[in-house]
C-alpha atoms as a PDB file:
ATOM      1  CA  UNK A   1       7.153  25.070  47.372  1.00  0.00           C
ATOM      2  CA  UNK A   2       6.875  28.598  45.967  1.00  0.00           C
ATOM      3  CA  UNK A   3       3.518  30.088  45.064  1.00  0.00           C
ATOM      4  CA  UNK A   4       2.611  30.341  41.390  1.00  0.00           C
ATOM      5  CA  UNK A   5       3.272  33.679  39.726  1.00  0.00           C
ATOM      6  CA  UNK A   6       0.400  36.083  40.256  1.00  0.00           C
ATOM      7  CA  UNK A   7      -1.191  34.077  43.090  1.00  0.00           C
ATOM      8  CA  UNK A   8      -1.698  35.938  46.371  1.00  0.00           C
ATOM      9  CA  UNK A   9       0.693  35.143  49.196  1.00  0.00           C
ATOM     10  CA  UNK A  10      -1.235  34.337  52.367  1.00  0.00           C
ATOM     11  CA  UNK A  11       0.728  34.669  55.586  1.00  0.00           C
ATOM     12  CA  UNK A  12       0.105  31.984  58.160  1.00  0.00           C
ATOM     13  CA  UNK A  13      -0.843  33.520  61.478  1.00  0.00           C
ATOM     14  CA  UNK A  14       0.000  31.633  64.653  1.00  0.00           C
ATOM     15  CA  UNK A  15      -2.937  30.812  66.885  1.00  0.00           C
ATOM     16  CA  UNK A  16      -0.734  31.766  69.854  1.00  0.00           C
ATOM     17  CA  UNK A  17      -0.667  35.488  69.157  1.00  0.00           C
ATOM     18  CA  UNK A  18      -1.252  38.540  71.356  1.00  0.00           C
ATOM     19  CA  UNK A  19      -4.883  39.007  70.291  1.00  0.00           C
ATOM     20  CA  UNK A  20      -5.845  35.392  71.007  1.00  0.00           C
ATOM     21  CA  UNK A  21      -3.944  35.404  74.309  1.00  0.00           C
ATOM     22  CA  UNK A  22      -5.997  38.421  75.422  1.00  0.00           C
ATOM     23  CA  UNK A  23      -9.172  36.560  74.464  1.00  0.00           C
ATOM     24  CA  UNK A  24      -7.943  33.572  76.486  1.00  0.00           C
ATOM     25  CA  UNK A  25      -7.201  35.902  79.422  1.00  0.00           C
ATOM     26  CA  UNK A  26     -10.774  37.195  79.240  1.00  0.00           C
ATOM     27  CA  UNK A  27     -12.094  33.625  79.399  1.00  0.00           C
ATOM     28  CA  UNK A  28      -9.835  32.848  82.373  1.00  0.00           C
ATOM     29  CA  UNK A  29     -11.043  35.997  84.164  1.00  0.00           C
ATOM     30  CA  UNK A  30     -14.707  34.903  83.984  1.00  0.00           C
ATOM     31  CA  UNK A  31     -14.511  32.382  86.887  1.00  0.00           C
ATOM     32  CA  UNK A  32     -12.302  34.814  88.837  1.00  0.00           C
ATOM     33  CA  UNK A  33     -14.939  37.521  88.356  1.00  0.00           C
ATOM     34  CA  UNK A  34     -17.713  35.125  89.419  1.00  0.00           C
ATOM     35  CA  UNK A  35     -15.764  34.158  92.552  1.00  0.00           C
ATOM     36  CA  UNK A  36     -15.259  37.824  93.483  1.00  0.00           C
ATOM     37  CA  UNK A  37     -18.984  38.585  93.105  1.00  0.00           C
ATOM     38  CA  UNK A  38     -19.892  35.573  95.267  1.00  0.00           C
ATOM     39  CA  UNK A  39     -17.336  36.579  97.909  1.00  0.00           C
ATOM     40  CA  UNK A  40     -18.598  40.172  97.821  1.00  0.00           C
ATOM     41  CA  UNK A  41     -22.146  38.963  98.513  1.00  0.00           C
ATOM     42  CA  UNK A  42     -20.911  37.246 101.676  1.00  0.00           C
ATOM     43  CA  UNK A  43     -18.651  40.028 102.943  1.00  0.00           C
ATOM     44  CA  UNK A  44     -18.024  43.756 102.637  1.00  0.00           C
ATOM     45  CA  UNK A  45     -18.205  45.907  99.502  1.00  0.00           C
ATOM     46  CA  UNK A  46     -14.427  45.942  99.001  1.00  0.00           C
ATOM     47  CA  UNK A  47     -14.699  42.629  97.144  1.00  0.00           C
ATOM     48  CA  UNK A  48     -17.506  44.066  95.043  1.00  0.00           C
ATOM     49  CA  UNK A  49     -15.153  46.832  93.910  1.00  0.00           C
ATOM     50  CA  UNK A  50     -12.556  44.176  93.035  1.00  0.00           C
ATOM     51  CA  UNK A  51     -15.210  42.252  91.061  1.00  0.00           C
ATOM     52  CA  UNK A  52     -16.190  45.433  89.223  1.00  0.00           C
ATOM     53  CA  UNK A  53     -12.577  46.257  88.362  1.00  0.00           C
ATOM     54  CA  UNK A  54     -12.017  42.707  87.045  1.00  0.00           C
ATOM     55  CA  UNK A  55     -15.141  43.040  84.901  1.00  0.00           C
ATOM     56  CA  UNK A  56     -14.005  46.409  83.491  1.00  0.00           C
ATOM     57  CA  UNK A  57     -10.487  45.102  82.820  1.00  0.00           C
ATOM     58  CA  UNK A  58     -11.799  41.949  81.125  1.00  0.00           C
ATOM     59  CA  UNK A  59     -14.209  44.026  79.031  1.00  0.00           C
ATOM     60  CA  UNK A  60     -11.358  46.322  77.986  1.00  0.00           C
ATOM     61  CA  UNK A  61      -9.373  43.335  76.685  1.00  0.00           C
ATOM     62  CA  UNK A  62     -12.139  42.876  74.102  1.00  0.00           C
ATOM     63  CA  UNK A  63     -11.370  46.294  72.607  1.00  0.00           C
ATOM     64  CA  UNK A  64      -7.623  45.733  72.752  1.00  0.00           C
ATOM     65  CA  UNK A  65      -7.587  42.218  71.268  1.00  0.00           C
ATOM     66  CA  UNK A  66      -9.748  43.309  68.340  1.00  0.00           C
ATOM     67  CA  UNK A  67      -7.521  46.306  67.651  1.00  0.00           C
ATOM     68  CA  UNK A  68      -4.341  44.202  67.843  1.00  0.00           C
ATOM     69  CA  UNK A  69      -5.798  41.529  65.557  1.00  0.00           C
ATOM     70  CA  UNK A  70      -6.789  44.045  62.883  1.00  0.00           C
ATOM     71  CA  UNK A  71      -3.754  46.343  63.222  1.00  0.00           C
ATOM     72  CA  UNK A  72      -1.139  43.609  63.037  1.00  0.00           C
ATOM     73  CA  UNK A  73      -2.959  41.142  60.789  1.00  0.00           C
ATOM     74  CA  UNK A  74      -3.426  38.570  63.559  1.00  0.00           C
ATOM     75  CA  UNK A  75      -7.011  37.604  62.739  1.00  0.00           C
ATOM     76  CA  UNK A  76      -7.463  33.826  63.031  1.00  0.00           C
ATOM     77  CA  UNK A  77     -10.484  31.552  62.739  1.00  0.00           C
ATOM     78  CA  UNK A  78      -9.866  30.474  66.353  1.00  0.00           C
ATOM     79  CA  UNK A  79      -9.959  34.095  67.472  1.00  0.00           C
ATOM     80  CA  UNK A  80     -13.118  34.811  65.483  1.00  0.00           C
ATOM     81  CA  UNK A  81     -14.896  31.984  67.304  1.00  0.00           C
ATOM     82  CA  UNK A  82     -13.316  32.405  70.753  1.00  0.00           C
ATOM     83  CA  UNK A  83     -13.759  36.194  70.963  1.00  0.00           C
ATOM     84  CA  UNK A  84     -17.590  36.254  70.922  1.00  0.00           C
ATOM     85  CA  UNK A  85     -17.678  33.228  73.239  1.00  0.00           C
ATOM     86  CA  UNK A  86     -15.484  35.089  75.745  1.00  0.00           C
ATOM     87  CA  UNK A  87     -17.703  38.186  75.452  1.00  0.00           C
ATOM     88  CA  UNK A  88     -20.914  36.235  75.991  1.00  0.00           C
ATOM     89  CA  UNK A  89     -19.389  34.296  78.910  1.00  0.00           C
ATOM     90  CA  UNK A  90     -18.336  37.505  80.669  1.00  0.00           C
ATOM     91  CA  UNK A  91     -21.515  39.541  80.177  1.00  0.00           C
ATOM     92  CA  UNK A  92     -23.719  36.475  80.626  1.00  0.00           C
ATOM     93  CA  UNK A  93     -22.083  35.578  83.943  1.00  0.00           C
ATOM     94  CA  UNK A  94     -22.418  39.190  85.123  1.00  0.00           C
ATOM     95  CA  UNK A  95     -26.104  39.395  84.200  1.00  0.00           C
ATOM     96  CA  UNK A  96     -26.947  36.045  85.807  1.00  0.00           C
ATOM     97  CA  UNK A  97     -25.140  37.054  89.008  1.00  0.00           C
ATOM     98  CA  UNK A  98     -26.905  40.429  89.128  1.00  0.00           C
ATOM     99  CA  UNK A  99     -30.267  38.668  88.810  1.00  0.00           C
ATOM    100  CA  UNK A 100     -29.266  35.923  91.264  1.00  0.00           C
ATOM    101  CA  UNK A 101     -28.560  38.581  93.917  1.00  0.00           C
ATOM    102  CA  UNK A 102     -31.813  40.454  93.114  1.00  0.00           C
ATOM    103  CA  UNK A 103     -30.072  43.489  91.647  1.00  0.00           C
ATOM    104  CA  UNK A 104     -31.554  43.005  88.176  1.00  0.00           C
ATOM    105  CA  UNK A 105     -34.899  41.478  87.104  1.00  0.00           C
ATOM    106  CA  UNK A 106     -34.554  37.989  85.645  1.00  0.00           C
ATOM    107  CA  UNK A 107     -36.554  38.929  82.547  1.00  0.00           C
ATOM    108  CA  UNK A 108     -33.836  41.455  81.583  1.00  0.00           C
ATOM    109  CA  UNK A 109     -31.127  38.808  81.891  1.00  0.00           C
ATOM    110  CA  UNK A 110     -33.218  36.254  79.968  1.00  0.00           C
ATOM    111  CA  UNK A 111     -34.024  38.709  77.178  1.00  0.00           C
ATOM    112  CA  UNK A 112     -30.393  39.765  76.697  1.00  0.00           C
ATOM    113  CA  UNK A 113     -29.052  36.198  76.858  1.00  0.00           C
ATOM    114  CA  UNK A 114     -31.648  34.854  74.403  1.00  0.00           C
ATOM    115  CA  UNK A 115     -30.777  37.674  71.988  1.00  0.00           C
ATOM    116  CA  UNK A 116     -27.008  37.131  72.355  1.00  0.00           C
ATOM    117  CA  UNK A 117     -27.181  33.346  71.934  1.00  0.00           C
ATOM    118  CA  UNK A 118     -29.691  33.684  69.110  1.00  0.00           C
ATOM    119  CA  UNK A 119     -27.515  36.096  67.130  1.00  0.00           C
ATOM    120  CA  UNK A 120     -24.468  33.873  67.687  1.00  0.00           C
ATOM    121  CA  UNK A 121     -26.426  30.898  66.312  1.00  0.00           C
ATOM    122  CA  UNK A 122     -27.623  33.077  63.422  1.00  0.00           C
ATOM    123  CA  UNK A 123     -24.033  33.983  62.536  1.00  0.00           C
ATOM    124  CA  UNK A 124     -23.145  30.287  62.309  1.00  0.00           C
ATOM    125  CA  UNK A 125     -26.309  29.621  60.248  1.00  0.00           C
ATOM    126  CA  UNK A 126     -25.257  32.087  57.536  1.00  0.00           C
ATOM    127  CA  UNK A 127     -21.476  31.663  57.713  1.00  0.00           C
ATOM    128  CA  UNK A 128     -21.307  29.868  54.324  1.00  0.00           C
ATOM    129  CA  UNK A 129     -23.156  32.768  52.690  1.00  0.00           C
ATOM    130  CA  UNK A 130     -21.288  35.638  54.314  1.00  0.00           C
ATOM    131  CA  UNK A 131     -20.290  37.234  57.593  1.00  0.00           C
ATOM    132  CA  UNK A 132     -22.594  39.364  59.706  1.00  0.00           C
ATOM    133  CA  UNK A 133     -20.146  41.988  60.874  1.00  0.00           C
ATOM    134  CA  UNK A 134     -20.636  43.885  64.106  1.00  0.00           C
ATOM    135  CA  UNK A 135     -22.622  47.006  63.289  1.00  0.00           C
ATOM    136  CA  UNK A 136     -22.319  50.428  64.920  1.00  0.00           C
ATOM    137  CA  UNK A 137     -25.535  49.600  66.790  1.00  0.00           C
ATOM    138  CA  UNK A 138     -23.956  46.342  67.998  1.00  0.00           C
ATOM    139  CA  UNK A 139     -20.981  48.265  69.337  1.00  0.00           C
ATOM    140  CA  UNK A 140     -23.282  50.754  71.088  1.00  0.00           C
ATOM    141  CA  UNK A 141     -25.200  47.795  72.540  1.00  0.00           C
ATOM    142  CA  UNK A 142     -21.992  46.296  73.919  1.00  0.00           C
ATOM    143  CA  UNK A 143     -20.883  49.627  75.392  1.00  0.00           C
ATOM    144  CA  UNK A 144     -24.273  50.180  77.061  1.00  0.00           C
ATOM    145  CA  UNK A 145     -24.317  46.652  78.492  1.00  0.00           C
ATOM    146  CA  UNK A 146     -20.814  47.064  79.914  1.00  0.00           C
ATOM    147  CA  UNK A 147     -21.657  50.485  81.357  1.00  0.00           C
ATOM    148  CA  UNK A 148     -24.907  49.223  82.887  1.00  0.00           C
ATOM    149  CA  UNK A 149     -23.288  46.128  84.422  1.00  0.00           C
ATOM    150  CA  UNK A 150     -20.422  48.255  85.779  1.00  0.00           C
ATOM    151  CA  UNK A 151     -22.953  50.673  87.268  1.00  0.00           C
ATOM    152  CA  UNK A 152     -24.760  47.816  89.015  1.00  0.00           C
ATOM    153  CA  UNK A 153     -21.532  46.247  90.282  1.00  0.00           C
ATOM    154  CA  UNK A 154     -19.928  49.381  91.698  1.00  0.00           C
ATOM    155  CA  UNK A 155     -21.250  50.207  95.202  1.00  0.00           C
ATOM    156  CA  UNK A 156     -22.865  53.541  94.261  1.00  0.00           C
ATOM    157  CA  UNK A 157     -24.575  55.962  96.623  1.00  0.00           C
ATOM    158  CA  UNK A 158     -28.344  55.508  96.334  1.00  0.00           C
ATOM    159  CA  UNK A 159     -28.844  58.715  94.308  1.00  0.00           C
ATOM    160  CA  UNK A 160     -26.389  57.507  91.654  1.00  0.00           C
ATOM    161  CA  UNK A 161     -27.517  53.868  91.878  1.00  0.00           C
ATOM    162  CA  UNK A 162     -30.942  55.008  90.603  1.00  0.00           C
ATOM    163  CA  UNK A 163     -29.314  55.826  87.243  1.00  0.00           C
ATOM    164  CA  UNK A 164     -28.357  52.154  86.700  1.00  0.00           C
ATOM    165  CA  UNK A 165     -31.825  50.928  85.665  1.00  0.00           C
ATOM    166  CA  UNK A 166     -32.051  53.721  83.076  1.00  0.00           C
ATOM    167  CA  UNK A 167     -28.732  52.718  81.532  1.00  0.00           C
ATOM    168  CA  UNK A 168     -29.840  49.076  81.542  1.00  0.00           C
ATOM    169  CA  UNK A 169     -33.160  50.058  79.937  1.00  0.00           C
ATOM    170  CA  UNK A 170     -31.254  51.790  77.125  1.00  0.00           C
ATOM    171  CA  UNK A 171     -29.060  48.685  76.781  1.00  0.00           C
ATOM    172  CA  UNK A 172     -32.144  46.458  76.508  1.00  0.00           C
ATOM    173  CA  UNK A 173     -33.764  48.672  73.846  1.00  0.00           C
ATOM    174  CA  UNK A 174     -30.586  48.746  71.729  1.00  0.00           C
ATOM    175  CA  UNK A 175     -30.031  45.007  72.303  1.00  0.00           C
ATOM    176  CA  UNK A 176     -33.494  44.157  70.943  1.00  0.00           C
ATOM    177  CA  UNK A 177     -33.311  46.661  68.061  1.00  0.00           C
ATOM    178  CA  UNK A 178     -29.912  45.425  66.874  1.00  0.00           C
ATOM    179  CA  UNK A 179     -31.138  41.850  67.214  1.00  0.00           C
ATOM    180  CA  UNK A 180     -33.857  42.548  64.632  1.00  0.00           C
ATOM    181  CA  UNK A 181     -31.290  44.297  62.425  1.00  0.00           C
ATOM    182  CA  UNK A 182     -29.005  41.231  62.512  1.00  0.00           C
ATOM    183  CA  UNK A 183     -31.950  38.954  61.687  1.00  0.00           C
ATOM    184  CA  UNK A 184     -32.709  41.114  58.634  1.00  0.00           C
ATOM    185  CA  UNK A 185     -29.042  40.925  57.563  1.00  0.00           C
ATOM    186  CA  UNK A 186     -29.044  37.129  57.952  1.00  0.00           C
ATOM    187  CA  UNK A 187     -32.206  36.752  55.865  1.00  0.00           C
ATOM    188  CA  UNK A 188     -30.691  38.924  53.123  1.00  0.00           C
ATOM    189  CA  UNK A 189     -27.552  36.754  53.113  1.00  0.00           C
ATOM    190  CA  UNK A 190     -29.586  33.537  52.907  1.00  0.00           C
ATOM    191  CA  UNK A 191     -31.915  34.826  50.161  1.00  0.00           C
ATOM    192  CA  UNK A 192     -31.248  33.011  46.872  1.00  0.00           C
ATOM    193  CA  UNK A 193     -29.620  35.278  44.314  1.00  0.00           C
ATOM    194  CA  UNK A 194     -30.772  35.238  40.684  1.00  0.00           C
END
């Protein structure tokens, strides 16, 4: 059946595309990362370096899959749902493990996870009214969280390790601030229009 004259032609994008496969890879790497952190806690720091490298690689796939999806028109509804889930699974697992091994206070992990899950729920709450796109502040938040987690994971000399809490503090401040910004956006989207 051919489309009617003047109607837009919408290309069907396969769910099995490069962007979604990278998102799937990130999800698969989460239990591998967790296993490496657990092994590193029971043995020497070499496994901790491996865990850190897996975390950095998995985090990098988030940048690459988003770029591929936008550049080649491979955005799918599956990818839009799976991508943030993969992100939250990776950073959430890292934060919980850091707190579990007494490297990070539990309140920091709880605060970040409550914000992340809350904003995800908020996005679903307003989805019929519009999309809350990732803001510049949200991207800075993600970069700071990744940097802070990487700093904690890598076996740093004590002088450099002392920088980690400062990076995490910046990540927490930006995480909370952008959370309020997203709440304001959601309320504007849900406000009845005259």
